[in-house]
Structures are given as C-alpha cells and as structure tokens.
Amino acid sequence: QYKRDPDLQEAHRQHPFITVWDDHESAN
C-alpha cells in the first residue's frame, strides 16, 4: 500500500534511499 503512493514512488525514483527500521515496521 505504501509503495503505491505516487509521491513516495517519485522520491524513490529520483534518489537512492539509506534506511533503518524503527518500531512501527513491527509494533509500537
């Protein structure tokens, strides 16, 4: 669902991302 968002898609399309997870990728 997140990856279908057009604005998030555009940010990913234009730039490399460097990511880490926090809590909400699993649970609060």
PDB file of all heavy atoms in Angstrom:
ATOM      1  N   GLN A   1       0.831  -1.203   0.000  1.00  0.00           N
ATOM      2  CA  GLN A   1       0.000   0.000   0.000  1.00  0.00           C
ATOM      3  C   GLN A   1       0.868   1.257   0.000  1.00  0.00           C
ATOM      4  O   GLN A   1       0.613   2.201  -0.765  1.00  0.00           O
ATOM      5  CB  GLN A   1      -0.928   0.008   1.210  1.00  0.00           C
ATOM      6  CG  GLN A   1      -1.825   1.248   1.255  1.00  0.00           C
ATOM      7  CD  GLN A   1      -2.686   1.311   2.507  1.00  0.00           C
ATOM      8  OE1 GLN A   1      -2.296   0.830   3.562  1.00  0.00           O
ATOM      9  NE2 GLN A   1      -3.867   1.899   2.382  1.00  0.00           N
ATOM     10  N   TYR A   2       1.881   1.293   0.846  1.00  0.00           N
ATOM     11  CA  TYR A   2       2.763   2.460   0.886  1.00  0.00           C
ATOM     12  C   TYR A   2       3.465   2.665  -0.449  1.00  0.00           C
ATOM     13  O   TYR A   2       3.580   3.792  -0.944  1.00  0.00           O
ATOM     14  CB  TYR A   2       3.794   2.296   2.004  1.00  0.00           C
ATOM     15  CG  TYR A   2       3.320   2.742   3.360  1.00  0.00           C
ATOM     16  CD1 TYR A   2       2.242   2.121   3.989  1.00  0.00           C
ATOM     17  CD2 TYR A   2       3.945   3.774   4.040  1.00  0.00           C
ATOM     18  CE1 TYR A   2       1.803   2.523   5.242  1.00  0.00           C
ATOM     19  CE2 TYR A   2       3.527   4.187   5.297  1.00  0.00           C
ATOM     20  CZ  TYR A   2       2.449   3.551   5.892  1.00  0.00           C
ATOM     21  OH  TYR A   2       2.009   3.952   7.135  1.00  0.00           O
ATOM     22  N   LYS A   3       3.957   1.583  -1.042  1.00  0.00           N
ATOM     23  CA  LYS A   3       4.717   1.710  -2.277  1.00  0.00           C
ATOM     24  C   LYS A   3       3.841   2.092  -3.478  1.00  0.00           C
ATOM     25  O   LYS A   3       4.369   2.420  -4.537  1.00  0.00           O
ATOM     26  CB  LYS A   3       5.455   0.402  -2.573  1.00  0.00           C
ATOM     27  CG  LYS A   3       6.706   0.156  -1.729  1.00  0.00           C
ATOM     28  CD  LYS A   3       7.838   1.117  -2.084  1.00  0.00           C
ATOM     29  CE  LYS A   3       9.197   0.574  -1.667  1.00  0.00           C
ATOM     30  NZ  LYS A   3       9.328   0.240  -0.265  1.00  0.00           N
ATOM     31  N   ARG A   4       2.528   2.051  -3.340  1.00  0.00           N
ATOM     32  CA  ARG A   4       1.669   2.533  -4.430  1.00  0.00           C
ATOM     33  C   ARG A   4       1.436   4.039  -4.344  1.00  0.00           C
ATOM     34  O   ARG A   4       0.880   4.623  -5.293  1.00  0.00           O
ATOM     35  CB  ARG A   4       0.315   1.807  -4.419  1.00  0.00           C
ATOM     36  CG  ARG A   4       0.383   0.343  -4.813  1.00  0.00           C
ATOM     37  CD  ARG A   4      -0.996  -0.189  -5.201  1.00  0.00           C
ATOM     38  NE  ARG A   4      -1.995   0.064  -4.179  1.00  0.00           N
ATOM     39  CZ  ARG A   4      -2.241  -0.738  -3.153  1.00  0.00           C
ATOM     40  NH1 ARG A   4      -1.539  -1.848  -2.995  1.00  0.00           N
ATOM     41  NH2 ARG A   4      -3.180  -0.445  -2.271  1.00  0.00           N
ATOM     42  N   ASP A   5       1.834   4.673  -3.261  1.00  0.00           N
ATOM     43  CA  ASP A   5       1.645   6.110  -3.141  1.00  0.00           C
ATOM     44  C   ASP A   5       2.513   6.823  -4.181  1.00  0.00           C
ATOM     45  O   ASP A   5       3.731   6.601  -4.248  1.00  0.00           O
ATOM     46  CB  ASP A   5       2.035   6.577  -1.741  1.00  0.00           C
ATOM     47  CG  ASP A   5       1.861   8.069  -1.580  1.00  0.00           C
ATOM     48  OD1 ASP A   5       0.758   8.488  -1.180  1.00  0.00           O
ATOM     49  OD2 ASP A   5       2.819   8.817  -1.880  1.00  0.00           O
ATOM     50  N   PRO A   6       1.945   7.698  -5.016  1.00  0.00           N
ATOM     51  CA  PRO A   6       2.723   8.306  -6.109  1.00  0.00           C
ATOM     52  C   PRO A   6       3.848   9.202  -5.623  1.00  0.00           C
ATOM     53  O   PRO A   6       4.901   9.272  -6.275  1.00  0.00           O
ATOM     54  CB  PRO A   6       1.664   9.090  -6.902  1.00  0.00           C
ATOM     55  CG  PRO A   6       0.537   9.310  -5.945  1.00  0.00           C
ATOM     56  CD  PRO A   6       0.522   8.104  -5.049  1.00  0.00           C
ATOM     57  N   ASP A   7       3.672   9.893  -4.499  1.00  0.00           N
ATOM     58  CA  ASP A   7       4.727  10.775  -4.008  1.00  0.00           C
ATOM     59  C   ASP A   7       5.899   9.984  -3.454  1.00  0.00           C
ATOM     60  O   ASP A   7       7.065  10.342  -3.671  1.00  0.00           O
ATOM     61  CB  ASP A   7       4.170  11.719  -2.948  1.00  0.00           C
ATOM     62  CG  ASP A   7       3.125  12.675  -3.513  1.00  0.00           C
ATOM     63  OD1 ASP A   7       3.234  13.021  -4.705  1.00  0.00           O
ATOM     64  OD2 ASP A   7       2.209  13.054  -2.768  1.00  0.00           O
ATOM     65  N   LEU A   8       5.620   8.910  -2.734  1.00  0.00           N
ATOM     66  CA  LEU A   8       6.695   8.044  -2.257  1.00  0.00           C
ATOM     67  C   LEU A   8       7.399   7.382  -3.433  1.00  0.00           C
ATOM     68  O   LEU A   8       8.635   7.289  -3.463  1.00  0.00           O
ATOM     69  CB  LEU A   8       6.137   6.990  -1.296  1.00  0.00           C
ATOM     70  CG  LEU A   8       7.135   5.981  -0.734  1.00  0.00           C
ATOM     71  CD1 LEU A   8       8.326   6.662  -0.087  1.00  0.00           C
ATOM     72  CD2 LEU A   8       6.449   5.034   0.241  1.00  0.00           C
ATOM     73  N   GLN A   9       6.645   6.923  -4.424  1.00  0.00           N
ATOM     74  CA  GLN A   9       7.265   6.349  -5.619  1.00  0.00           C
ATOM     75  C   GLN A   9       8.213   7.337  -6.280  1.00  0.00           C
ATOM     76  O   GLN A   9       9.311   6.977  -6.713  1.00  0.00           O
ATOM     77  CB  GLN A   9       6.193   5.913  -6.623  1.00  0.00           C
ATOM     78  CG  GLN A   9       5.493   4.620  -6.292  1.00  0.00           C
ATOM     79  CD  GLN A   9       4.704   4.079  -7.473  1.00  0.00           C
ATOM     80  OE1 GLN A   9       4.866   4.500  -8.618  1.00  0.00           O
ATOM     81  NE2 GLN A   9       3.826   3.126  -7.192  1.00  0.00           N
ATOM     82  N   GLU A  10       7.788   8.584  -6.373  1.00  0.00           N
ATOM     83  CA  GLU A  10       8.621   9.588  -7.044  1.00  0.00           C
ATOM     84  C   GLU A  10       9.900   9.864  -6.270  1.00  0.00           C
ATOM     85  O   GLU A  10      10.976  10.030  -6.863  1.00  0.00           O
ATOM     86  CB  GLU A  10       7.822  10.871  -7.243  1.00  0.00           C
ATOM     87  CG  GLU A  10       8.520  11.932  -8.062  1.00  0.00           C
ATOM     88  CD  GLU A  10       8.728  11.561  -9.519  1.00  0.00           C
ATOM     89  OE1 GLU A  10       8.297  10.474  -9.942  1.00  0.00           O
ATOM     90  OE2 GLU A  10       9.345  12.364 -10.249  1.00  0.00           O
ATOM     91  N   ALA A  11       9.836   9.915  -4.948  1.00  0.00           N
ATOM     92  CA  ALA A  11      11.048  10.111  -4.152  1.00  0.00           C
ATOM     93  C   ALA A  11      12.017   8.956  -4.359  1.00  0.00           C
ATOM     94  O   ALA A  11      13.232   9.157  -4.512  1.00  0.00           O
ATOM     95  CB  ALA A  11      10.688  10.260  -2.675  1.00  0.00           C
ATOM     96  N   HIS A  12      11.496   7.726  -4.351  1.00  0.00           N
ATOM     97  CA  HIS A  12      12.354   6.565  -4.595  1.00  0.00           C
ATOM     98  C   HIS A  12      12.928   6.585  -6.009  1.00  0.00           C
ATOM     99  O   HIS A  12      14.078   6.179  -6.226  1.00  0.00           O
ATOM    100  CB  HIS A  12      11.558   5.276  -4.393  1.00  0.00           C
ATOM    101  CG  HIS A  12      11.509   4.799  -2.977  1.00  0.00           C
ATOM    102  ND1 HIS A  12      12.641   4.448  -2.270  1.00  0.00           N
ATOM    103  CD2 HIS A  12      10.460   4.580  -2.138  1.00  0.00           C
ATOM    104  CE1 HIS A  12      12.296   4.038  -1.058  1.00  0.00           C
ATOM    105  NE2 HIS A  12      10.980   4.114  -0.947  1.00  0.00           N
ATOM    106  N   ARG A  13      12.152   7.013  -6.969  1.00  0.00           N
ATOM    107  CA  ARG A  13      12.598   7.001  -8.368  1.00  0.00           C
ATOM    108  C   ARG A  13      13.736   7.994  -8.610  1.00  0.00           C
ATOM    109  O   ARG A  13      14.632   7.750  -9.418  1.00  0.00           O
ATOM    110  CB  ARG A  13      11.415   7.317  -9.288  1.00  0.00           C
ATOM    111  CG  ARG A  13      11.668   7.049 -10.761  1.00  0.00           C
ATOM    112  CD  ARG A  13      10.432   7.346 -11.579  1.00  0.00           C
ATOM    113  NE  ARG A  13      10.148   8.766 -11.582  1.00  0.00           N
ATOM    114  CZ  ARG A  13      10.700   9.641 -12.428  1.00  0.00           C
ATOM    115  NH1 ARG A  13      11.602   9.228 -13.306  1.00  0.00           N
ATOM    116  NH2 ARG A  13      10.381  10.920 -12.379  1.00  0.00           N
ATOM    117  N   GLN A  14      13.723   9.088  -7.864  1.00  0.00           N
ATOM    118  CA  GLN A  14      14.715  10.136  -8.080  1.00  0.00           C
ATOM    119  C   GLN A  14      15.993   9.947  -7.281  1.00  0.00           C
ATOM    120  O   GLN A  14      17.056  10.413  -7.702  1.00  0.00           O
ATOM    121  CB  GLN A  14      14.109  11.497  -7.718  1.00  0.00           C
ATOM    122  CG  GLN A  14      12.948  11.932  -8.583  1.00  0.00           C
ATOM    123  CD  GLN A  14      13.370  12.365  -9.979  1.00  0.00           C
ATOM    124  OE1 GLN A  14      14.560  12.411 -10.302  1.00  0.00           O
ATOM    125  NE2 GLN A  14      12.397  12.673 -10.807  1.00  0.00           N
ATOM    126  N   HIS A  15      15.926   9.278  -6.118  1.00  0.00           N
ATOM    127  CA  HIS A  15      17.082   9.256  -5.211  1.00  0.00           C
ATOM    128  C   HIS A  15      17.291   7.869  -4.612  1.00  0.00           C
ATOM    129  O   HIS A  15      16.314   7.169  -4.300  1.00  0.00           O
ATOM    130  CB  HIS A  15      16.864  10.227  -4.042  1.00  0.00           C
ATOM    131  CG  HIS A  15      16.520  11.612  -4.434  1.00  0.00           C
ATOM    132  ND1 HIS A  15      17.352  12.419  -5.192  1.00  0.00           N
ATOM    133  CD2 HIS A  15      15.407  12.370  -4.169  1.00  0.00           C
ATOM    134  CE1 HIS A  15      16.795  13.597  -5.370  1.00  0.00           C
ATOM    135  NE2 HIS A  15      15.610  13.597  -4.762  1.00  0.00           N
ATOM    136  N   PRO A  16      18.545   7.492  -4.350  1.00  0.00           N
ATOM    137  CA  PRO A  16      18.775   6.298  -3.529  1.00  0.00           C
ATOM    138  C   PRO A  16      18.392   6.565  -2.084  1.00  0.00           C
ATOM    139  O   PRO A  16      18.573   7.674  -1.575  1.00  0.00           O
ATOM    140  CB  PRO A  16      20.283   6.054  -3.677  1.00  0.00           C
ATOM    141  CG  PRO A  16      20.855   7.396  -4.014  1.00  0.00           C
ATOM    142  CD  PRO A  16      19.809   8.117  -4.803  1.00  0.00           C
ATOM    143  N   PHE A  17      17.841   5.541  -1.427  1.00  0.00           N
ATOM    144  CA  PHE A  17      17.464   5.628  -0.011  1.00  0.00           C
ATOM    145  C   PHE A  17      18.445   4.809   0.822  1.00  0.00           C
ATOM    146  O   PHE A  17      18.903   3.738   0.402  1.00  0.00           O
ATOM    147  CB  PHE A  17      16.058   5.071   0.209  1.00  0.00           C
ATOM    148  CG  PHE A  17      14.945   6.077   0.062  1.00  0.00           C
ATOM    149  CD1 PHE A  17      14.836   6.871  -1.078  1.00  0.00           C
ATOM    150  CD2 PHE A  17      13.989   6.220   1.058  1.00  0.00           C
ATOM    151  CE1 PHE A  17      13.804   7.781  -1.216  1.00  0.00           C
ATOM    152  CE2 PHE A  17      12.952   7.139   0.934  1.00  0.00           C
ATOM    153  CZ  PHE A  17      12.857   7.928  -0.211  1.00  0.00           C
ATOM    154  N   ILE A  18      18.736   5.307   2.016  1.00  0.00           N
ATOM    155  CA  ILE A  18      19.536   4.598   3.012  1.00  0.00           C
ATOM    156  C   ILE A  18      18.642   4.468   4.232  1.00  0.00           C
ATOM    157  O   ILE A  18      18.266   5.470   4.846  1.00  0.00           O
ATOM    158  CB  ILE A  18      20.821   5.386   3.343  1.00  0.00           C
ATOM    159  CG1 ILE A  18      21.685   5.544   2.086  1.00  0.00           C
ATOM    160  CG2 ILE A  18      21.596   4.698   4.455  1.00  0.00           C
ATOM    161  CD1 ILE A  18      22.798   6.567   2.237  1.00  0.00           C
ATOM    162  N   THR A  19      18.262   3.241   4.598  1.00  0.00           N
ATOM    163  CA  THR A  19      17.175   3.068   5.553  1.00  0.00           C
ATOM    164  C   THR A  19      17.558   2.204   6.751  1.00  0.00           C
ATOM    165  O   THR A  19      18.414   1.321   6.663  1.00  0.00           O
ATOM    166  CB  THR A  19      15.937   2.435   4.881  1.00  0.00           C
ATOM    167  OG1 THR A  19      16.205   1.056   4.571  1.00  0.00           O
ATOM    168  CG2 THR A  19      15.564   3.165   3.599  1.00  0.00           C
ATOM    169  N   VAL A  20      16.902   2.485   7.873  1.00  0.00           N
ATOM    170  CA  VAL A  20      16.867   1.593   9.031  1.00  0.00           C
ATOM    171  C   VAL A  20      15.421   1.538   9.504  1.00  0.00           C
ATOM    172  O   VAL A  20      14.638   2.446   9.236  1.00  0.00           O
ATOM    173  CB  VAL A  20      17.774   2.074  10.186  1.00  0.00           C
ATOM    174  CG1 VAL A  20      19.242   1.924   9.819  1.00  0.00           C
ATOM    175  CG2 VAL A  20      17.462   3.523  10.582  1.00  0.00           C
ATOM    176  N   TRP A  21      15.075   0.460  10.187  1.00  0.00           N
ATOM    177  CA  TRP A  21      13.720   0.392  10.743  1.00  0.00           C
ATOM    178  C   TRP A  21      13.693   0.986  12.145  1.00  0.00           C
ATOM    179  O   TRP A  21      14.711   1.094  12.832  1.00  0.00           O
ATOM    180  CB  TRP A  21      13.179  -1.019  10.755  1.00  0.00           C
ATOM    181  CG  TRP A  21      14.010  -2.048  11.480  1.00  0.00           C
ATOM    182  CD1 TRP A  21      14.524  -1.979  12.748  1.00  0.00           C
ATOM    183  CD2 TRP A  21      14.408  -3.326  10.966  1.00  0.00           C
ATOM    184  NE1 TRP A  21      15.211  -3.127  13.063  1.00  0.00           N
ATOM    185  CE2 TRP A  21      15.158  -3.975  11.989  1.00  0.00           C
ATOM    186  CE3 TRP A  21      14.202  -3.993   9.771  1.00  0.00           C
ATOM    187  CZ2 TRP A  21      15.703  -5.245  11.820  1.00  0.00           C
ATOM    188  CZ3 TRP A  21      14.739  -5.253   9.609  1.00  0.00           C
ATOM    189  CH2 TRP A  21      15.477  -5.867  10.620  1.00  0.00           C
ATOM    190  N   ASP A  22      12.496   1.377  12.580  1.00  0.00           N
ATOM    191  CA  ASP A  22      12.252   1.736  13.973  1.00  0.00           C
ATOM    192  C   ASP A  22      11.220   0.745  14.509  1.00  0.00           C
ATOM    193  O   ASP A  22      11.234  -0.428  14.120  1.00  0.00           O
ATOM    194  CB  ASP A  22      11.811   3.194  14.082  1.00  0.00           C
ATOM    195  CG  ASP A  22      11.866   3.718  15.521  1.00  0.00           C
ATOM    196  OD1 ASP A  22      12.452   3.061  16.391  1.00  0.00           O
ATOM    197  OD2 ASP A  22      11.296   4.790  15.773  1.00  0.00           O
ATOM    198  N   ASP A  23      10.284   1.179  15.322  1.00  0.00           N
ATOM    199  CA  ASP A  23       9.361   0.227  15.929  1.00  0.00           C
ATOM    200  C   ASP A  23       8.144  -0.081  15.061  1.00  0.00           C
ATOM    201  O   ASP A  23       7.679  -1.220  15.013  1.00  0.00           O
ATOM    202  CB  ASP A  23       8.915   0.691  17.315  1.00  0.00           C
ATOM    203  CG  ASP A  23       8.366   2.112  17.346  1.00  0.00           C
ATOM    204  OD1 ASP A  23       8.646   2.886  16.412  1.00  0.00           O
ATOM    205  OD2 ASP A  23       7.685   2.458  18.326  1.00  0.00           O
ATOM    206  N   HIS A  24       7.612   0.899  14.328  1.00  0.00           N
ATOM    207  CA  HIS A  24       6.327   0.674  13.669  1.00  0.00           C
ATOM    208  C   HIS A  24       6.432  -0.216  12.434  1.00  0.00           C
ATOM    209  O   HIS A  24       5.396  -0.665  11.916  1.00  0.00           O
ATOM    210  CB  HIS A  24       5.661   2.002  13.336  1.00  0.00           C
ATOM    211  CG  HIS A  24       5.204   2.728  14.563  1.00  0.00           C
ATOM    212  ND1 HIS A  24       4.160   2.272  15.348  1.00  0.00           N
ATOM    213  CD2 HIS A  24       5.674   3.843  15.175  1.00  0.00           C
ATOM    214  CE1 HIS A  24       3.990   3.091  16.367  1.00  0.00           C
ATOM    215  NE2 HIS A  24       4.897   4.047  16.290  1.00  0.00           N
ATOM    216  N   GLU A  25       7.634  -0.505  11.978  1.00  0.00           N
ATOM    217  CA  GLU A  25       7.773  -1.552  10.964  1.00  0.00           C
ATOM    218  C   GLU A  25       7.444  -2.922  11.535  1.00  0.00           C
ATOM    219  O   GLU A  25       7.239  -3.883  10.795  1.00  0.00           O
ATOM    220  CB  GLU A  25       9.194  -1.566  10.384  1.00  0.00           C
ATOM    221  CG  GLU A  25       9.521  -0.432   9.441  1.00  0.00           C
ATOM    222  CD  GLU A  25      10.045   0.809  10.149  1.00  0.00           C
ATOM    223  OE1 GLU A  25       9.992   0.876  11.397  1.00  0.00           O
ATOM    224  OE2 GLU A  25      10.526   1.718   9.444  1.00  0.00           O
ATOM    225  N   SER A  26       7.366  -3.018  12.864  1.00  0.00           N
ATOM    226  CA  SER A  26       6.938  -4.253  13.526  1.00  0.00           C
ATOM    227  C   SER A  26       5.763  -3.961  14.456  1.00  0.00           C
ATOM    228  O   SER A  26       4.619  -4.309  14.158  1.00  0.00           O
ATOM    229  CB  SER A  26       8.101  -4.906  14.274  1.00  0.00           C
ATOM    230  OG  SER A  26       8.729  -3.985  15.168  1.00  0.00           O
ATOM    231  N   ALA A  27       6.005  -3.282  15.593  1.00  0.00           N
ATOM    232  CA  ALA A  27       4.932  -2.935  16.533  1.00  0.00           C
ATOM    233  C   ALA A  27       5.415  -1.822  17.442  1.00  0.00           C
ATOM    234  O   ALA A  27       6.614  -1.670  17.690  1.00  0.00           O
ATOM    235  CB  ALA A  27       4.512  -4.153  17.357  1.00  0.00           C
ATOM    236  N   ASN A  28       4.491  -1.058  17.984  1.00  0.00           N
ATOM    237  CA  ASN A  28       4.832   0.138  18.744  1.00  0.00           C
ATOM    238  C   ASN A  28       5.724  -0.178  19.946  1.00  0.00           C
ATOM    239  O   ASN A  28       5.493  -1.137  20.690  1.00  0.00           O
ATOM    240  CB  ASN A  28       3.546   0.817  19.247  1.00  0.00           C
ATOM    241  CG  ASN A  28       3.832   2.103  19.987  1.00  0.00           C
ATOM    242  OD1 ASN A  28       4.472   2.996  19.446  1.00  0.00           O
ATOM    243  ND2 ASN A  28       3.371   2.203  21.227  1.00  0.00           N
TER     244      ASN A  28
END
